[in-house]
Protein backbone atom coordinates (compact mmCIF):
# COMPACT_ATOMS: atom_id res chain seq x y z
CA UNK A 1 6.28 -9.16 -23.16
CA UNK A 2 8.47 -11.99 -24.43
CA UNK A 3 11.77 -12.76 -22.71
CA UNK A 4 13.70 -12.02 -25.91
CA UNK A 5 12.29 -8.48 -25.87
CA UNK A 6 13.55 -7.69 -22.35
CA UNK A 7 16.74 -5.63 -22.42
CA UNK A 8 16.76 -3.94 -19.00
CA UNK A 9 15.12 -4.35 -15.56
CA UNK A 10 11.45 -4.86 -16.34
CA UNK A 11 8.38 -5.13 -14.15
CA UNK A 12 6.51 -8.39 -14.70
CA UNK A 13 2.89 -8.55 -13.51
CA UNK A 14 0.95 -11.79 -13.24
CA UNK A 15 -2.45 -10.43 -14.25
CA UNK A 16 -4.32 -13.61 -13.38
CA UNK A 17 -2.95 -13.64 -9.83
CA UNK A 18 -3.42 -9.90 -9.34
CA UNK A 19 -7.05 -10.19 -10.42
CA UNK A 20 -7.48 -13.11 -8.01
CA UNK A 21 -6.02 -11.01 -5.18
CA UNK A 22 -8.42 -8.17 -6.02
CA UNK A 23 -11.42 -10.49 -6.15
CA UNK A 24 -10.54 -12.10 -2.84
CA UNK A 25 -10.32 -8.75 -1.04
CA UNK A 26 -13.43 -7.34 -2.74
CA UNK A 27 -15.39 -10.46 -1.79
CA UNK A 28 -14.12 -10.23 1.77
CA UNK A 29 -15.32 -6.61 2.05
CA UNK A 30 -18.70 -7.44 0.52
CA UNK A 31 -19.19 -10.39 2.84
CA UNK A 32 -18.29 -8.22 5.83
CA UNK A 33 -20.61 -5.42 4.72
CA UNK A 34 -17.93 -2.72 4.69
CA UNK A 35 -16.93 -0.17 2.07
CA UNK A 36 -13.92 -1.27 0.04
CA UNK A 37 -11.74 1.73 -0.79
CA UNK A 38 -8.49 0.13 -2.01
CA UNK A 39 -5.27 2.09 -1.95
CA UNK A 40 -3.91 2.59 -5.46
CA UNK A 41 -0.39 3.69 -4.50
CA UNK A 42 0.96 0.20 -5.11
CA UNK A 43 0.08 -0.13 -8.79
CA UNK A 44 -0.50 3.53 -9.81
CA UNK A 45 -1.97 2.27 -13.08
CA UNK A 46 -5.18 3.13 -14.90
CA UNK A 47 -5.09 -0.31 -16.52
CA UNK A 48 -4.87 -2.12 -13.19
CA UNK A 49 -7.54 0.24 -11.89
CA UNK A 50 -9.88 -1.27 -14.46
CA UNK A 51 -9.33 -4.68 -12.87
CA UNK A 52 -10.76 -3.20 -9.67
CA UNK A 53 -13.72 -1.74 -11.56
CA UNK A 54 -14.37 -5.23 -12.89
CA UNK A 55 -14.97 -6.24 -9.26
CA UNK A 56 -17.41 -3.39 -8.67
CA UNK A 57 -14.99 -1.00 -6.95
CA UNK A 58 -15.98 2.66 -7.31
CA UNK A 59 -14.13 4.43 -4.49
CA UNK A 60 -10.36 4.52 -4.04
CA UNK A 61 -7.53 5.77 -1.88
CA UNK A 62 -4.33 7.48 -3.05
CA UNK A 63 -1.32 8.98 -1.31
CA UNK A 64 -0.84 12.30 -3.11
CA UNK A 65 -2.67 15.04 -4.98
CA UNK A 66 -0.90 14.13 -8.23
CA UNK A 67 -2.02 10.52 -7.90
CA UNK A 68 -5.57 11.67 -7.22
CA UNK A 69 -5.52 13.89 -10.30
CA UNK A 70 -4.19 11.03 -12.45
CA UNK A 71 -6.99 8.69 -11.43
CA UNK A 72 -9.61 11.44 -11.68
CA UNK A 73 -8.47 11.95 -15.27
CA UNK A 74 -9.11 8.22 -15.80
CA UNK A 75 -12.69 8.26 -14.61
CA UNK A 76 -12.49 7.78 -10.85
CA UNK A 77 -14.73 10.27 -9.06
CA UNK A 78 -14.65 9.18 -5.40
CA UNK A 79 -11.13 9.51 -4.04
CA UNK A 80 -9.58 9.90 -0.59
CA UNK A 81 -6.05 11.29 -0.34
CA UNK A 82 -4.77 9.31 2.66
CA UNK A 83 -1.82 11.57 3.40
CA UNK A 84 -1.58 14.72 5.55
CA UNK A 85 -2.87 17.50 3.33
CA UNK A 86 -0.11 19.59 1.76
CA UNK A 87 -1.12 23.23 2.19
CA UNK A 88 1.08 24.27 -0.75
CA UNK A 89 -1.26 22.33 -3.07
CA UNK A 90 -4.54 23.81 -1.87
CA UNK A 91 -5.29 25.60 -5.15
CA UNK A 92 -4.87 22.35 -7.06
CA UNK A 93 -6.89 20.46 -4.45
CA UNK A 94 -9.66 23.04 -4.76
CA UNK A 95 -9.80 22.45 -8.52
CA UNK A 96 -9.87 18.69 -8.03
CA UNK A 97 -12.68 18.97 -5.48
CA UNK A 98 -14.73 20.82 -8.11
CA UNK A 99 -14.90 17.74 -10.33
CA UNK A 100 -14.88 14.71 -8.00
CA UNK A 101 -15.97 13.71 -4.51
CA UNK A 102 -12.75 14.28 -2.60
CA UNK A 103 -11.76 13.20 0.88
CA UNK A 104 -8.76 14.55 2.77
CA UNK A 105 -7.09 14.00 6.14
CA UNK A 106 -6.38 16.50 8.89
CA UNK A 107 -4.64 16.19 12.23
CA UNK A 108 -4.13 19.82 13.22
CA UNK A 109 -6.14 22.97 13.83
CA UNK A 110 -3.86 24.89 11.45
CA UNK A 111 -4.82 22.61 8.58
CA UNK A 112 -8.54 22.97 9.31
CA UNK A 113 -8.16 26.76 9.39
CA UNK A 114 -6.37 26.70 6.03
CA UNK A 115 -9.16 24.58 4.52
CA UNK A 116 -11.74 27.01 5.88
CA UNK A 117 -10.01 30.06 4.41
CA UNK A 118 -8.64 28.75 1.11
CA UNK A 119 -11.13 26.07 0.05
CA UNK A 120 -14.72 26.78 -0.94
CA UNK A 121 -15.67 23.50 -2.60
CA UNK A 122 -17.45 20.78 -0.61
CA UNK A 123 -15.01 18.25 0.76
CA UNK A 124 -15.24 15.35 3.18
CA UNK A 125 -12.66 15.36 5.93
CA UNK A 126 -11.33 12.54 8.07
CA UNK A 127 -9.45 13.00 11.32
CA UNK A 128 -6.24 11.01 11.09
CA UNK A 129 -5.78 8.99 14.28
CA UNK A 130 -2.56 7.33 15.39
CA UNK A 131 -3.57 4.00 16.90
CA UNK A 132 -0.04 2.76 17.50
CA UNK A 133 2.04 3.19 14.35
CA UNK A 134 3.64 6.42 15.54
CA UNK A 135 3.72 8.23 12.21
CA UNK A 136 1.11 10.90 11.44
CA UNK A 137 -2.21 11.58 13.14
CA UNK A 138 -3.48 12.65 16.54
CA UNK A 139 -2.67 10.02 19.13
CA UNK A 140 -5.81 8.08 19.98
CA UNK A 141 -5.74 9.00 23.68
CA UNK A 142 -5.56 12.77 23.02
CA UNK A 143 -9.33 12.96 23.20
CA UNK A 144 -9.62 16.66 24.01
CA UNK A 145 -7.62 17.59 20.93
CA UNK A 146 -9.72 15.23 18.81
CA UNK A 147 -12.97 16.73 20.14
CA UNK A 148 -11.76 20.25 19.40
CA UNK A 149 -10.73 19.35 15.86
CA UNK A 150 -14.07 17.67 15.17
CA UNK A 151 -15.93 20.72 16.49
CA UNK A 152 -13.75 23.02 14.39
CA UNK A 153 -14.59 20.98 11.30
CA UNK A 154 -18.31 21.07 12.04
CA UNK A 155 -18.21 24.86 12.08
CA UNK A 156 -17.05 25.02 8.44
CA UNK A 157 -20.05 24.76 6.12
CA UNK A 158 -18.25 23.30 3.10
CA UNK A 159 -16.37 20.66 5.09
CA UNK A 160 -18.08 17.43 6.12
CA UNK A 161 -16.60 15.64 9.09
CA UNK A 162 -16.74 12.01 7.99
CA UNK A 163 -15.07 10.21 10.84
CA UNK A 164 -11.81 8.69 12.07
CA UNK A 165 -9.16 7.16 9.82
CA UNK A 166 -6.11 5.14 10.80
CA UNK A 167 -3.32 3.14 9.20
CA UNK A 168 -2.15 0.37 11.53
CA UNK A 169 1.25 0.24 9.88
CA UNK A 170 2.80 -1.40 12.93
CA UNK A 171 1.27 -4.62 11.59
CA UNK A 172 4.34 -4.68 9.33
CA UNK A 173 6.50 -5.18 12.42
CA UNK A 174 4.90 -8.45 13.55
CA UNK A 175 4.93 -11.98 12.19
CA UNK A 176 2.12 -14.51 11.90
CA UNK A 177 -1.66 -14.47 11.80
CA UNK A 178 -2.23 -14.25 15.55
CA UNK A 179 0.09 -11.27 15.97
CA UNK A 180 -1.47 -9.49 12.99
CA UNK A 181 -4.96 -10.03 14.36
CA UNK A 182 -3.83 -8.69 17.74
CA UNK A 183 -2.66 -5.47 16.05
CA UNK A 184 -6.02 -5.17 14.29
CA UNK A 185 -8.02 -5.72 17.49
CA UNK A 186 -6.01 -3.19 19.46
CA UNK A 187 -6.09 -0.58 16.70
CA UNK A 188 -9.82 -0.99 16.13
CA UNK A 189 -10.63 -0.89 19.84
CA UNK A 190 -8.74 2.39 20.10
CA UNK A 191 -10.66 3.85 17.17
CA UNK A 192 -13.92 2.71 18.72
CA UNK A 193 -13.06 4.31 22.04
CA UNK A 194 -12.49 7.64 20.28
CA UNK A 195 -15.77 7.29 18.39
CA UNK A 196 -17.60 6.66 21.67
CA UNK A 197 -16.16 9.87 23.10
CA UNK A 198 -17.32 11.85 20.05
CA UNK A 199 -20.79 10.31 20.08
CA UNK A 200 -21.08 11.19 23.77
CA UNK A 201 -20.15 14.77 22.81
CA UNK A 202 -23.12 14.94 20.45
CA UNK A 203 -21.60 14.04 17.09
CA UNK A 204 -24.25 12.05 15.26
CA UNK A 205 -22.19 10.14 12.70
CA UNK A 206 -18.59 9.05 13.13
CA UNK A 207 -17.38 6.49 10.59
CA UNK A 208 -14.26 4.38 11.08
CA UNK A 209 -11.78 3.70 8.27
CA UNK A 210 -8.81 1.37 8.58
CA UNK A 211 -6.36 -0.01 6.11
CA UNK A 212 -3.20 -2.05 5.94
CA UNK A 213 -2.55 -5.15 3.90
CA UNK A 214 -1.49 -7.51 6.71
CA UNK A 215 -4.62 -6.89 8.79
CA UNK A 216 -7.01 -6.83 5.85
CA UNK A 217 -5.49 -10.03 4.45
CA UNK A 218 -5.71 -12.02 7.68
CA UNK A 219 -8.81 -10.63 9.43
CA UNK A 220 -12.25 -11.71 8.20
CA UNK A 221 -14.58 -9.91 10.62
CA UNK A 222 -14.70 -6.16 9.93
CA UNK A 223 -17.96 -5.58 11.79
CA UNK A 224 -16.40 -2.86 13.95
CA UNK A 225 -15.38 -0.54 11.07
CA UNK A 226 -17.09 1.05 8.09
CA UNK A 227 -14.30 1.04 5.50
CA UNK A 228 -11.10 -0.83 4.66
CA UNK A 229 -8.25 0.58 2.54
CA UNK A 230 -5.56 -2.05 1.83
CA UNK A 231 -3.25 -1.51 -1.15
CA UNK A 232 -0.20 -3.75 -1.32
CA UNK A 233 -2.36 -6.89 -1.54
CA UNK A 234 -2.88 -6.39 -5.29
CA UNK A 235 0.65 -7.67 -5.89
CA UNK A 236 1.99 -8.60 -2.43
CA UNK A 237 5.79 -9.04 -2.16
CA UNK A 238 8.57 -10.73 -0.20
CA UNK A 239 7.84 -8.61 2.87
CA UNK A 240 4.21 -9.75 2.95
CA UNK A 241 5.23 -13.40 2.75
CA UNK A 242 7.55 -12.84 5.71
CA UNK A 243 4.81 -11.11 7.72
CA UNK A 244 2.31 -13.86 7.00
CA UNK A 245 -0.14 -11.88 4.88
CA UNK A 246 0.04 -14.20 1.87
CA UNK A 247 1.54 -17.33 0.38
CA UNK A 248 4.39 -17.30 -2.12
CA UNK A 249 1.94 -18.17 -4.89
CA UNK A 250 -0.17 -15.10 -4.21
CA UNK A 251 2.69 -12.74 -5.07
CA UNK A 252 1.86 -11.24 -8.46
CA UNK A 253 4.96 -9.17 -9.24
CA UNK A 254 8.58 -9.83 -10.13
CA UNK A 255 11.34 -7.81 -11.74
CA UNK A 256 13.11 -9.43 -14.70
CA UNK A 257 16.82 -8.56 -14.53
CA UNK A 258 19.62 -9.41 -16.97
CA UNK A 259 22.61 -11.29 -15.56
CA UNK A 260 25.76 -9.25 -16.26
CA UNK A 261 28.32 -11.13 -14.19
CA UNK A 262 28.91 -14.56 -12.65
CA UNK A 263 31.42 -15.14 -9.83
CA UNK A 264 31.64 -18.85 -8.91
CA UNK A 265 34.45 -18.21 -6.41
CA UNK A 266 32.07 -16.34 -4.14
CA UNK A 267 28.77 -17.97 -5.24
CA UNK A 268 27.39 -14.68 -6.50
CA UNK A 269 25.87 -13.29 -9.65
CA UNK A 270 25.62 -9.64 -10.64
CA UNK A 271 22.41 -8.38 -12.21
CA UNK A 272 21.42 -5.25 -14.01
CA UNK A 273 18.95 -4.30 -11.32
CA UNK A 274 19.93 -1.88 -8.58
CA UNK A 275 18.44 0.49 -6.07
CA UNK A 276 16.88 2.61 -8.81
CA UNK A 277 14.93 -0.45 -9.94
CA UNK A 278 14.17 -2.53 -6.84
CA UNK A 279 14.39 0.32 -4.29
CA UNK A 280 16.43 -0.13 -1.14
CA UNK A 281 13.57 -1.32 1.03
CA UNK A 282 14.59 -4.57 2.65
CA UNK A 283 13.48 -7.43 4.87
CA UNK A 284 15.35 -9.56 7.36
CA UNK A 285 15.99 -13.11 6.23
CA UNK A 286 17.93 -15.46 8.50
CA UNK A 287 19.51 -12.51 10.27
CA UNK A 288 20.52 -10.63 7.12
CA UNK A 289 19.01 -7.66 5.30
CA UNK A 290 17.92 -8.61 1.79
CA UNK A 291 16.28 -6.58 -0.98
CA UNK A 292 14.49 -9.41 -2.70
CA UNK A 293 14.87 -13.06 -3.65
CA UNK A 294 15.17 -14.92 -6.91
CA UNK A 295 12.03 -16.73 -8.05
CA UNK A 296 11.48 -19.81 -10.16
CA UNK A 297 8.79 -19.01 -12.73
CA UNK A 298 6.23 -20.61 -14.98
CA UNK A 299 5.55 -17.83 -17.45
CA UNK A 300 4.58 -14.82 -15.31
CA UNK A 301 3.58 -16.99 -12.34
CA UNK A 302 5.85 -17.69 -9.37
CA UNK A 303 6.45 -21.36 -8.68
CA UNK A 304 8.88 -20.94 -5.79
CA UNK A 305 10.57 -18.02 -4.07
CA UNK A 306 14.19 -19.08 -3.62
CA UNK A 307 15.04 -17.70 -0.21
CA UNK A 308 18.43 -19.37 -0.61
CA UNK A 309 19.09 -16.90 -3.44
CA UNK A 310 18.68 -13.46 -1.83
CA UNK A 311 19.60 -10.07 -3.24
CA UNK A 312 22.26 -9.15 -0.69
CA UNK A 313 23.57 -5.90 -2.13
CA UNK A 314 22.37 -3.00 -4.25
CA UNK A 315 24.06 0.04 -5.68
CA UNK A 316 22.53 2.34 -8.27
CA UNK A 317 22.45 -0.11 -11.19
CA UNK A 318 24.10 -3.23 -9.74
CA UNK A 319 22.44 -5.99 -7.78
CA UNK A 320 24.32 -8.78 -6.02
CA UNK A 321 22.64 -12.16 -5.52
CA UNK A 322 24.14 -14.94 -3.44
CA UNK A 323 23.10 -18.18 -5.15
CA UNK A 324 23.42 -21.90 -4.44
CA UNK A 325 25.28 -24.17 -6.85
CA UNK A 326 22.22 -25.40 -8.77
CA UNK A 327 21.36 -21.85 -9.80
CA UNK A 328 24.98 -20.81 -10.33
CA UNK A 329 25.62 -23.72 -12.69
CA UNK A 330 22.46 -23.08 -14.70
CA UNK A 331 23.13 -19.44 -15.57
CA UNK A 332 25.09 -17.65 -18.25
CA UNK A 333 25.82 -13.97 -18.69
CA UNK A 334 22.92 -12.52 -20.63
CA UNK A 335 20.27 -14.74 -19.05
CA UNK A 336 17.32 -13.27 -17.20
CA UNK A 337 16.53 -13.88 -13.56
CA UNK A 338 13.30 -12.91 -11.83
CA UNK A 339 13.37 -11.10 -8.50
CA UNK A 340 10.55 -10.87 -5.98
CA UNK A 341 11.11 -7.38 -4.52
CA UNK A 342 11.15 -6.80 -0.79
CA UNK A 343 8.52 -4.07 -1.19
CA UNK A 344 6.43 -4.03 -4.34
CA UNK A 345 5.01 -0.53 -3.83
CA UNK A 346 8.48 0.98 -4.05
CA UNK A 347 9.73 -1.26 -6.86
CA UNK A 348 6.65 -0.56 -8.98
CA UNK A 349 7.10 3.17 -8.42
CA UNK A 350 10.70 2.85 -9.62
CA UNK A 351 9.81 0.90 -12.76
CA UNK A 352 6.33 1.99 -13.82
CA UNK A 353 6.03 3.64 -17.21
């Protein structure tokens, strides 16, 4: 899209960089000998999905039934829904399982019982394990509960217990390569300890699946797991640069926003680009919460992320950017500025067509 055609907040994807990000992660998985099941919740696009197919990807992760159905309709037939199964969608999930290889997550006996009674199609099932994030899943040290759930699954003929799945989302709370790798080691060791318990109980095959962009971006040795499921890496974002997952130049997404107001007295500009466009996810930058930063561009490619020009405020349609004098003096009302969002998954979801 040409700049002159942009009238409202518009998602700008650097295809060349996104493809490079995909290739790098696919190569890393191949070199490590693990299954690459990328999470598609970041881009949610059949077109971008083709870029993954170009790198030989055939199995994917999604975060909802509707997302799984969308990608199934676009030719993907090996999908894991990496979200606690919603029992109110079991009829739809049953239909989906009739036409693709479907994987789901469980972390309770009640869910397994519902799958036994209401699902008849073959389905692979992962036990969701909490290895430190503190969101969903059975806590890794609750071994008796995990054993009972695995046994319950094995008693259901149409359900295949595949193994243990975790999302080490607490990697988003650390900064720097060493800290990220420490999260990965701890999380993986906890998964392995649970697998050892299950193998000692007579389970013959227990695969391990892990996935978060910081760990998968920084770690190279995945010998201790069978599958990785990163998602955000396709575009990255301001948050990932702060964590240490990527460089500024690896970020492949910006939001083009029209300038609608300039206020030299307070060194601020107002953009048409608010919470409904960028989302209200934020990062901490020099002690302040910011929702993105202005970027200097060469076409669709980021040259520099201007951390001295942060998005400091968002309402529904308005965005407020504090800018230094060189930027302030270069802009006029009606110009476009390009924002690197704090969290690309949320911004893309707001703006995707």
